[in-house]
PDB file of N, CA and C in Angstrom:
ATOM      1  N   MET A   1     -15.272 -31.769  65.340  1.00  0.00           N
ATOM      2  CA  MET A   1     -15.691 -30.434  64.964  1.00  0.00           C
ATOM      3  C   MET A   1     -16.986 -30.081  65.697  1.00  0.00           C
ATOM      4  N   VAL A   2     -17.047 -28.858  66.103  1.00  0.00           N
ATOM      5  CA  VAL A   2     -18.215 -28.332  66.785  1.00  0.00           C
ATOM      6  C   VAL A   2     -18.746 -27.173  65.949  1.00  0.00           C
ATOM      7  N   ASP A   3     -20.054 -27.115  65.750  1.00  0.00           N
ATOM      8  CA  ASP A   3     -20.666 -26.019  65.003  1.00  0.00           C
ATOM      9  C   ASP A   3     -21.007 -24.901  65.981  1.00  0.00           C
ATOM     10  N   ILE A   4     -20.329 -23.772  65.819  1.00  0.00           N
ATOM     11  CA  ILE A   4     -20.602 -22.599  66.644  1.00  0.00           C
ATOM     12  C   ILE A   4     -21.185 -21.545  65.714  1.00  0.00           C
ATOM     13  N   THR A   5     -22.487 -21.392  65.755  1.00  0.00           N
ATOM     14  CA  THR A   5     -23.202 -20.416  64.924  1.00  0.00           C
ATOM     15  C   THR A   5     -22.762 -20.462  63.467  1.00  0.00           C
ATOM     16  N   GLY A   6     -22.773 -21.658  62.885  1.00  0.00           N
ATOM     17  CA  GLY A   6     -22.487 -21.801  61.470  1.00  0.00           C
ATOM     18  C   GLY A   6     -21.016 -21.899  61.129  1.00  0.00           C
ATOM     19  N   THR A   7     -20.134 -21.845  62.110  1.00  0.00           N
ATOM     20  CA  THR A   7     -18.697 -21.959  61.881  1.00  0.00           C
ATOM     21  C   THR A   7     -18.194 -23.196  62.608  1.00  0.00           C
ATOM     22  N   ASP A   8     -17.490 -24.075  61.890  1.00  0.00           N
ATOM     23  CA  ASP A   8     -16.923 -25.257  62.542  1.00  0.00           C
ATOM     24  C   ASP A   8     -15.707 -24.862  63.353  1.00  0.00           C
ATOM     25  N   ARG A   9     -15.557 -25.489  64.508  1.00  0.00           N
ATOM     26  CA  ARG A   9     -14.453 -25.175  65.419  1.00  0.00           C
ATOM     27  C   ARG A   9     -13.970 -26.496  66.011  1.00  0.00           C
ATOM     28  N   THR A  10     -12.678 -26.671  66.081  1.00  0.00           N
ATOM     29  CA  THR A  10     -12.104 -27.862  66.702  1.00  0.00           C
ATOM     30  C   THR A  10     -11.915 -27.602  68.188  1.00  0.00           C
ATOM     31  N   ILE A  11     -12.525 -28.468  69.006  1.00  0.00           N
ATOM     32  CA  ILE A  11     -12.354 -28.394  70.456  1.00  0.00           C
ATOM     33  C   ILE A  11     -11.921 -29.776  70.918  1.00  0.00           C
ATOM     34  N   LEU A  12     -10.725 -29.856  71.476  1.00  0.00           N
ATOM     35  CA  LEU A  12     -10.230 -31.121  72.016  1.00  0.00           C
ATOM     36  C   LEU A  12     -10.649 -31.229  73.474  1.00  0.00           C
ATOM     37  N   SER A  13     -11.058 -32.433  73.871  1.00  0.00           N
ATOM     38  CA  SER A  13     -11.520 -32.637  75.235  1.00  0.00           C
ATOM     39  C   SER A  13     -11.270 -34.092  75.619  1.00  0.00           C
ATOM     40  N   GLY A  14     -10.965 -34.357  76.856  1.00  0.00           N
ATOM     41  CA  GLY A  14     -10.697 -35.716  77.317  1.00  0.00           C
ATOM     42  C   GLY A  14     -11.959 -36.431  77.761  1.00  0.00           C
ATOM     43  N   ILE A  15     -12.932 -36.548  76.878  1.00  0.00           N
ATOM     44  CA  ILE A  15     -14.224 -37.137  77.270  1.00  0.00           C
ATOM     45  C   ILE A  15     -14.468 -38.519  76.661  1.00  0.00           C
ATOM     46  N   HIS A  16     -13.492 -39.049  75.915  1.00  0.00           N
ATOM     47  CA  HIS A  16     -13.722 -40.307  75.195  1.00  0.00           C
ATOM     48  C   HIS A  16     -14.076 -41.469  76.122  1.00  0.00           C
ATOM     49  N   ALA A  17     -13.556 -41.469  77.323  1.00  0.00           N
ATOM     50  CA  ALA A  17     -13.873 -42.553  78.259  1.00  0.00           C
ATOM     51  C   ALA A  17     -15.338 -42.523  78.681  1.00  0.00           C
ATOM     52  N   PHE A  18     -16.016 -41.384  78.440  1.00  0.00           N
ATOM     53  CA  PHE A  18     -17.392 -41.212  78.893  1.00  0.00           C
ATOM     54  C   PHE A  18     -18.403 -41.125  77.750  1.00  0.00           C
ATOM     55  N   TYR A  19     -17.962 -40.702  76.559  1.00  0.00           N
ATOM     56  CA  TYR A  19     -18.863 -40.508  75.417  1.00  0.00           C
ATOM     57  C   TYR A  19     -18.225 -41.036  74.142  1.00  0.00           C
ATOM     58  N   GLU A  20     -19.032 -41.660  73.297  1.00  0.00           N
ATOM     59  CA  GLU A  20     -18.619 -41.999  71.944  1.00  0.00           C
ATOM     60  C   GLU A  20     -19.002 -40.824  71.050  1.00  0.00           C
ATOM     61  N   PRO A  21     -18.209 -40.533  70.014  1.00  0.00           N
ATOM     62  CA  PRO A  21     -18.494 -39.370  69.156  1.00  0.00           C
ATOM     63  C   PRO A  21     -19.919 -39.343  68.610  1.00  0.00           C
ATOM     64  N   GLU A  22     -20.432 -40.484  68.190  1.00  0.00           N
ATOM     65  CA  GLU A  22     -21.778 -40.517  67.600  1.00  0.00           C
ATOM     66  C   GLU A  22     -22.875 -40.172  68.611  1.00  0.00           C
ATOM     67  N   GLU A  23     -22.601 -40.319  69.903  1.00  0.00           N
ATOM     68  CA  GLU A  23     -23.577 -39.939  70.930  1.00  0.00           C
ATOM     69  C   GLU A  23     -23.796 -38.428  70.977  1.00  0.00           C
ATOM     70  N   LEU A  24     -22.829 -37.664  70.507  1.00  0.00           N
ATOM     71  CA  LEU A  24     -22.879 -36.207  70.642  1.00  0.00           C
ATOM     72  C   LEU A  24     -23.383 -35.503  69.384  1.00  0.00           C
ATOM     73  N   VAL A  25     -23.542 -36.239  68.288  1.00  0.00           N
ATOM     74  CA  VAL A  25     -24.023 -35.624  67.054  1.00  0.00           C
ATOM     75  C   VAL A  25     -25.442 -35.094  67.285  1.00  0.00           C
ATOM     76  N   GLY A  26     -25.649 -33.820  66.957  1.00  0.00           N
ATOM     77  CA  GLY A  26     -26.957 -33.202  67.119  1.00  0.00           C
ATOM     78  C   GLY A  26     -27.243 -32.667  68.509  1.00  0.00           C
ATOM     79  N   LYS A  27     -26.343 -32.861  69.456  1.00  0.00           N
ATOM     80  CA  LYS A  27     -26.533 -32.362  70.825  1.00  0.00           C
ATOM     81  C   LYS A  27     -26.066 -30.921  70.921  1.00  0.00           C
ATOM     82  N   THR A  28     -26.638 -30.174  71.848  1.00  0.00           N
ATOM     83  CA  THR A  28     -26.231 -28.793  72.095  1.00  0.00           C
ATOM     84  C   THR A  28     -25.524 -28.755  73.448  1.00  0.00           C
ATOM     85  N   CYS A  29     -24.196 -28.694  73.398  1.00  0.00           N
ATOM     86  CA  CYS A  29     -23.367 -28.656  74.601  1.00  0.00           C
ATOM     87  C   CYS A  29     -22.978 -27.217  74.898  1.00  0.00           C
ATOM     88  N   ILE A  30     -22.607 -26.970  76.130  1.00  0.00           N
ATOM     89  CA  ILE A  30     -22.154 -25.643  76.526  1.00  0.00           C
ATOM     90  C   ILE A  30     -20.634 -25.611  76.401  1.00  0.00           C
ATOM     91  N   ALA A  31     -20.141 -24.586  75.698  1.00  0.00           N
ATOM     92  CA  ALA A  31     -18.704 -24.451  75.479  1.00  0.00           C
ATOM     93  C   ALA A  31     -18.280 -23.006  75.694  1.00  0.00           C
ATOM     94  N   ILE A  32     -17.063 -22.832  76.156  1.00  0.00           N
ATOM     95  CA  ILE A  32     -16.455 -21.504  76.229  1.00  0.00           C
ATOM     96  C   ILE A  32     -15.665 -21.343  74.939  1.00  0.00           C
ATOM     97  N   THR A  33     -15.977 -20.302  74.187  1.00  0.00           N
ATOM     98  CA  THR A  33     -15.365 -20.167  72.862  1.00  0.00           C
ATOM     99  C   THR A  33     -14.546 -18.893  72.699  1.00  0.00           C
ATOM    100  N   ASN A  34     -14.425 -18.082  73.727  1.00  0.00           N
ATOM    101  CA  ASN A  34     -13.645 -16.850  73.587  1.00  0.00           C
ATOM    102  C   ASN A  34     -12.247 -16.997  74.191  1.00  0.00           C
ATOM    103  N   LEU A  35     -11.745 -18.220  74.244  1.00  0.00           N
ATOM    104  CA  LEU A  35     -10.399 -18.477  74.727  1.00  0.00           C
ATOM    105  C   LEU A  35      -9.435 -18.468  73.545  1.00  0.00           C
ATOM    106  N   PRO A  36      -8.183 -18.093  73.757  1.00  0.00           N
ATOM    107  CA  PRO A  36      -7.220 -18.201  72.662  1.00  0.00           C
ATOM    108  C   PRO A  36      -6.971 -19.678  72.349  1.00  0.00           C
ATOM    109  N   PRO A  37      -6.662 -20.010  71.091  1.00  0.00           N
ATOM    110  CA  PRO A  37      -6.372 -21.409  70.754  1.00  0.00           C
ATOM    111  C   PRO A  37      -5.236 -21.954  71.609  1.00  0.00           C
ATOM    112  N   ARG A  38      -5.341 -23.227  71.955  1.00  0.00           N
ATOM    113  CA  ARG A  38      -4.307 -23.890  72.757  1.00  0.00           C
ATOM    114  C   ARG A  38      -3.902 -25.169  72.036  1.00  0.00           C
ATOM    115  N   LYS A  39      -2.617 -25.321  71.791  1.00  0.00           N
ATOM    116  CA  LYS A  39      -2.137 -26.494  71.083  1.00  0.00           C
ATOM    117  C   LYS A  39      -2.136 -27.692  72.026  1.00  0.00           C
ATOM    118  N   MET A  40      -2.821 -28.765  71.585  1.00  0.00           N
ATOM    119  CA  MET A  40      -2.889 -30.015  72.333  1.00  0.00           C
ATOM    120  C   MET A  40      -2.623 -31.136  71.350  1.00  0.00           C
ATOM    121  N   MET A  41      -1.653 -31.975  71.639  1.00  0.00           N
ATOM    122  CA  MET A  41      -1.296 -33.081  70.747  1.00  0.00           C
ATOM    123  C   MET A  41      -1.046 -32.585  69.323  1.00  0.00           C
ATOM    124  N   GLY A  42      -0.484 -31.392  69.196  1.00  0.00           N
ATOM    125  CA  GLY A  42      -0.162 -30.839  67.891  1.00  0.00           C
ATOM    126  C   GLY A  42      -1.334 -30.221  67.143  1.00  0.00           C
ATOM    127  N   ILE A  43      -2.506 -30.128  67.779  1.00  0.00           N
ATOM    128  CA  ILE A  43      -3.713 -29.577  67.155  1.00  0.00           C
ATOM    129  C   ILE A  43      -4.179 -28.385  67.969  1.00  0.00           C
ATOM    130  N   ASP A  44      -4.584 -27.307  67.287  1.00  0.00           N
ATOM    131  CA  ASP A  44      -5.142 -26.150  67.994  1.00  0.00           C
ATOM    132  C   ASP A  44      -6.552 -26.464  68.481  1.00  0.00           C
ATOM    133  N   SER A  45      -6.754 -26.398  69.792  1.00  0.00           N
ATOM    134  CA  SER A  45      -8.082 -26.533  70.375  1.00  0.00           C
ATOM    135  C   SER A  45      -8.628 -25.125  70.581  1.00  0.00           C
ATOM    136  N   CYS A  46      -9.790 -24.861  70.018  1.00  0.00           N
ATOM    137  CA  CYS A  46     -10.351 -23.501  70.001  1.00  0.00           C
ATOM    138  C   CYS A  46     -11.597 -23.397  70.867  1.00  0.00           C
ATOM    139  N   GLY A  47     -11.489 -23.808  72.118  1.00  0.00           N
ATOM    140  CA  GLY A  47     -12.609 -23.717  73.044  1.00  0.00           C
ATOM    141  C   GLY A  47     -12.505 -24.769  74.124  1.00  0.00           C
ATOM    142  N   MET A  48     -13.493 -24.782  75.006  1.00  0.00           N
ATOM    143  CA  MET A  48     -13.517 -25.733  76.103  1.00  0.00           C
ATOM    144  C   MET A  48     -14.966 -26.133  76.376  1.00  0.00           C
ATOM    145  N   LEU A  49     -15.223 -27.447  76.371  1.00  0.00           N
ATOM    146  CA  LEU A  49     -16.547 -27.943  76.725  1.00  0.00           C
ATOM    147  C   LEU A  49     -16.678 -27.937  78.240  1.00  0.00           C
ATOM    148  N   LEU A  50     -17.857 -27.568  78.722  1.00  0.00           N
ATOM    149  CA  LEU A  50     -18.100 -27.563  80.170  1.00  0.00           C
ATOM    150  C   LEU A  50     -18.751 -28.871  80.586  1.00  0.00           C
ATOM    151  N   SER A  51     -18.306 -29.395  81.712  1.00  0.00           N
ATOM    152  CA  SER A  51     -18.850 -30.656  82.195  1.00  0.00           C
ATOM    153  C   SER A  51     -18.894 -30.640  83.722  1.00  0.00           C
ATOM    154  N   ALA A  52     -19.625 -31.590  84.257  1.00  0.00           N
ATOM    155  CA  ALA A  52     -19.693 -31.795  85.699  1.00  0.00           C
ATOM    156  C   ALA A  52     -19.151 -33.196  85.981  1.00  0.00           C
ATOM    157  N   VAL A  53     -18.313 -33.307  86.997  1.00  0.00           N
ATOM    158  CA  VAL A  53     -17.731 -34.585  87.380  1.00  0.00           C
ATOM    159  C   VAL A  53     -18.246 -34.938  88.773  1.00  0.00           C
ATOM    160  N   HIS A  54     -18.643 -36.191  88.934  1.00  0.00           N
ATOM    161  CA  HIS A  54     -19.108 -36.644  90.236  1.00  0.00           C
ATOM    162  C   HIS A  54     -18.785 -38.125  90.402  1.00  0.00           C
ATOM    163  N   GLU A  55     -18.882 -38.599  91.632  1.00  0.00           N
ATOM    164  CA  GLU A  55     -18.644 -40.012  91.895  1.00  0.00           C
ATOM    165  C   GLU A  55     -19.982 -40.719  92.031  1.00  0.00           C
ATOM    166  N   GLU A  56     -20.083 -41.858  91.363  1.00  0.00           N
ATOM    167  CA  GLU A  56     -21.315 -42.646  91.392  1.00  0.00           C
ATOM    168  C   GLU A  56     -20.932 -44.119  91.520  1.00  0.00           C
ATOM    169  N   GLU A  57     -21.396 -44.760  92.573  1.00  0.00           N
ATOM    170  CA  GLU A  57     -21.085 -46.164  92.832  1.00  0.00           C
ATOM    171  C   GLU A  57     -19.580 -46.427  92.798  1.00  0.00           C
ATOM    172  N   GLY A  58     -18.802 -45.508  93.386  1.00  0.00           N
ATOM    173  CA  GLY A  58     -17.368 -45.667  93.481  1.00  0.00           C
ATOM    174  C   GLY A  58     -16.591 -45.338  92.219  1.00  0.00           C
ATOM    175  N   GLU A  59     -17.265 -44.871  91.165  1.00  0.00           N
ATOM    176  CA  GLU A  59     -16.596 -44.525  89.909  1.00  0.00           C
ATOM    177  C   GLU A  59     -16.794 -43.055  89.599  1.00  0.00           C
ATOM    178  N   GLU A  60     -15.755 -42.456  88.996  1.00  0.00           N
ATOM    179  CA  GLU A  60     -15.877 -41.076  88.561  1.00  0.00           C
ATOM    180  C   GLU A  60     -16.699 -41.021  87.274  1.00  0.00           C
ATOM    181  N   LYS A  61     -17.702 -40.175  87.246  1.00  0.00           N
ATOM    182  CA  LYS A  61     -18.569 -39.990  86.077  1.00  0.00           C
ATOM    183  C   LYS A  61     -18.434 -38.559  85.592  1.00  0.00           C
ATOM    184  N   LEU A  62     -18.557 -38.364  84.307  1.00  0.00           N
ATOM    185  CA  LEU A  62     -18.486 -37.042  83.706  1.00  0.00           C
ATOM    186  C   LEU A  62     -19.746 -36.834  82.880  1.00  0.00           C
ATOM    187  N   ASN A  63     -20.378 -35.689  83.051  1.00  0.00           N
ATOM    188  CA  ASN A  63     -21.556 -35.335  82.263  1.00  0.00           C
ATOM    189  C   ASN A  63     -21.320 -33.990  81.609  1.00  0.00           C
ATOM    190  N   LEU A  64     -21.348 -33.963  80.269  1.00  0.00           N
ATOM    191  CA  LEU A  64     -21.270 -32.692  79.572  1.00  0.00           C
ATOM    192  C   LEU A  64     -22.502 -31.874  79.897  1.00  0.00           C
ATOM    193  N   LEU A  65     -22.327 -30.578  80.044  1.00  0.00           N
ATOM    194  CA  LEU A  65     -23.473 -29.710  80.266  1.00  0.00           C
ATOM    195  C   LEU A  65     -24.138 -29.465  78.917  1.00  0.00           C
ATOM    196  N   MET A  66     -25.401 -29.832  78.820  1.00  0.00           N
ATOM    197  CA  MET A  66     -26.159 -29.705  77.573  1.00  0.00           C
ATOM    198  C   MET A  66     -27.442 -28.944  77.835  1.00  0.00           C
ATOM    199  N   VAL A  67     -27.968 -28.355  76.771  1.00  0.00           N
ATOM    200  CA  VAL A  67     -29.230 -27.633  76.864  1.00  0.00           C
ATOM    201  C   VAL A  67     -30.243 -28.274  75.933  1.00  0.00           C
ATOM    202  N   ASP A  68     -31.503 -27.881  76.077  1.00  0.00           N
ATOM    203  CA  ASP A  68     -32.568 -28.410  75.233  1.00  0.00           C
ATOM    204  C   ASP A  68     -32.232 -28.215  73.759  1.00  0.00           C
ATOM    205  N   PRO A  69     -32.620 -29.162  72.924  1.00  0.00           N
ATOM    206  CA  PRO A  69     -32.266 -29.078  71.506  1.00  0.00           C
ATOM    207  C   PRO A  69     -32.874 -27.880  70.772  1.00  0.00           C
ATOM    208  N   HIS A  70     -33.921 -27.261  71.314  1.00  0.00           N
ATOM    209  CA  HIS A  70     -34.527 -26.112  70.622  1.00  0.00           C
ATOM    210  C   HIS A  70     -33.725 -24.827  70.807  1.00  0.00           C
ATOM    211  N   ILE A  71     -32.730 -24.834  71.712  1.00  0.00           N
ATOM    212  CA  ILE A  71     -31.875 -23.661  71.909  1.00  0.00           C
ATOM    213  C   ILE A  71     -30.793 -23.687  70.835  1.00  0.00           C
ATOM    214  N   PRO A  72     -30.680 -22.628  70.019  1.00  0.00           N
ATOM    215  CA  PRO A  72     -29.745 -22.658  68.890  1.00  0.00           C
ATOM    216  C   PRO A  72     -28.285 -22.520  69.322  1.00  0.00           C
ATOM    217  N   ALA A  73     -27.394 -23.030  68.473  1.00  0.00           N
ATOM    218  CA  ALA A  73     -25.960 -22.847  68.697  1.00  0.00           C
ATOM    219  C   ALA A  73     -25.661 -21.360  68.743  1.00  0.00           C
ATOM    220  N   GLY A  74     -24.839 -20.955  69.677  1.00  0.00           N
ATOM    221  CA  GLY A  74     -24.452 -19.550  69.794  1.00  0.00           C
ATOM    222  C   GLY A  74     -25.327 -18.728  70.710  1.00  0.00           C
ATOM    223  N   ALA A  75     -26.364 -19.346  71.302  1.00  0.00           N
ATOM    224  CA  ALA A  75     -27.221 -18.610  72.235  1.00  0.00           C
ATOM    225  C   ALA A  75     -26.381 -18.119  73.406  1.00  0.00           C
ATOM    226  N   LYS A  76     -26.660 -16.921  73.884  1.00  0.00           N
ATOM    227  CA  LYS A  76     -25.918 -16.357  75.004  1.00  0.00           C
ATOM    228  C   LYS A  76     -26.373 -16.987  76.313  1.00  0.00           C
ATOM    229  N   LEU A  77     -25.417 -17.184  77.212  1.00  0.00           N
ATOM    230  CA  LEU A  77     -25.705 -17.710  78.544  1.00  0.00           C
ATOM    231  C   LEU A  77     -25.652 -16.551  79.536  1.00  0.00           C
ATOM    232  N   TYR A  78     -26.571 -16.568  80.487  1.00  0.00           N
ATOM    233  CA  TYR A  78     -26.595 -15.514  81.515  1.00  0.00           C
ATOM    234  C   TYR A  78     -26.559 -16.148  82.879  1.00  0.00           C
TER     235      TYR A  78
END
């Protein structure tokens, strides 16, 4: 579950190989939330987390795009 301005939202993402769930608690990630729900593995995913993928020492690495913790959930991006 992701908190989007006080509303919980389920967003499915293939990031488990790179992050454990407890690592993301309290973090402010960038997500696209105005997409229509998309069924994945029988669950409606209501958004998309943004990430950057790069190669490091011959391995593919993924980094979620995050902002400083003082920026509130739901802040507009320009």
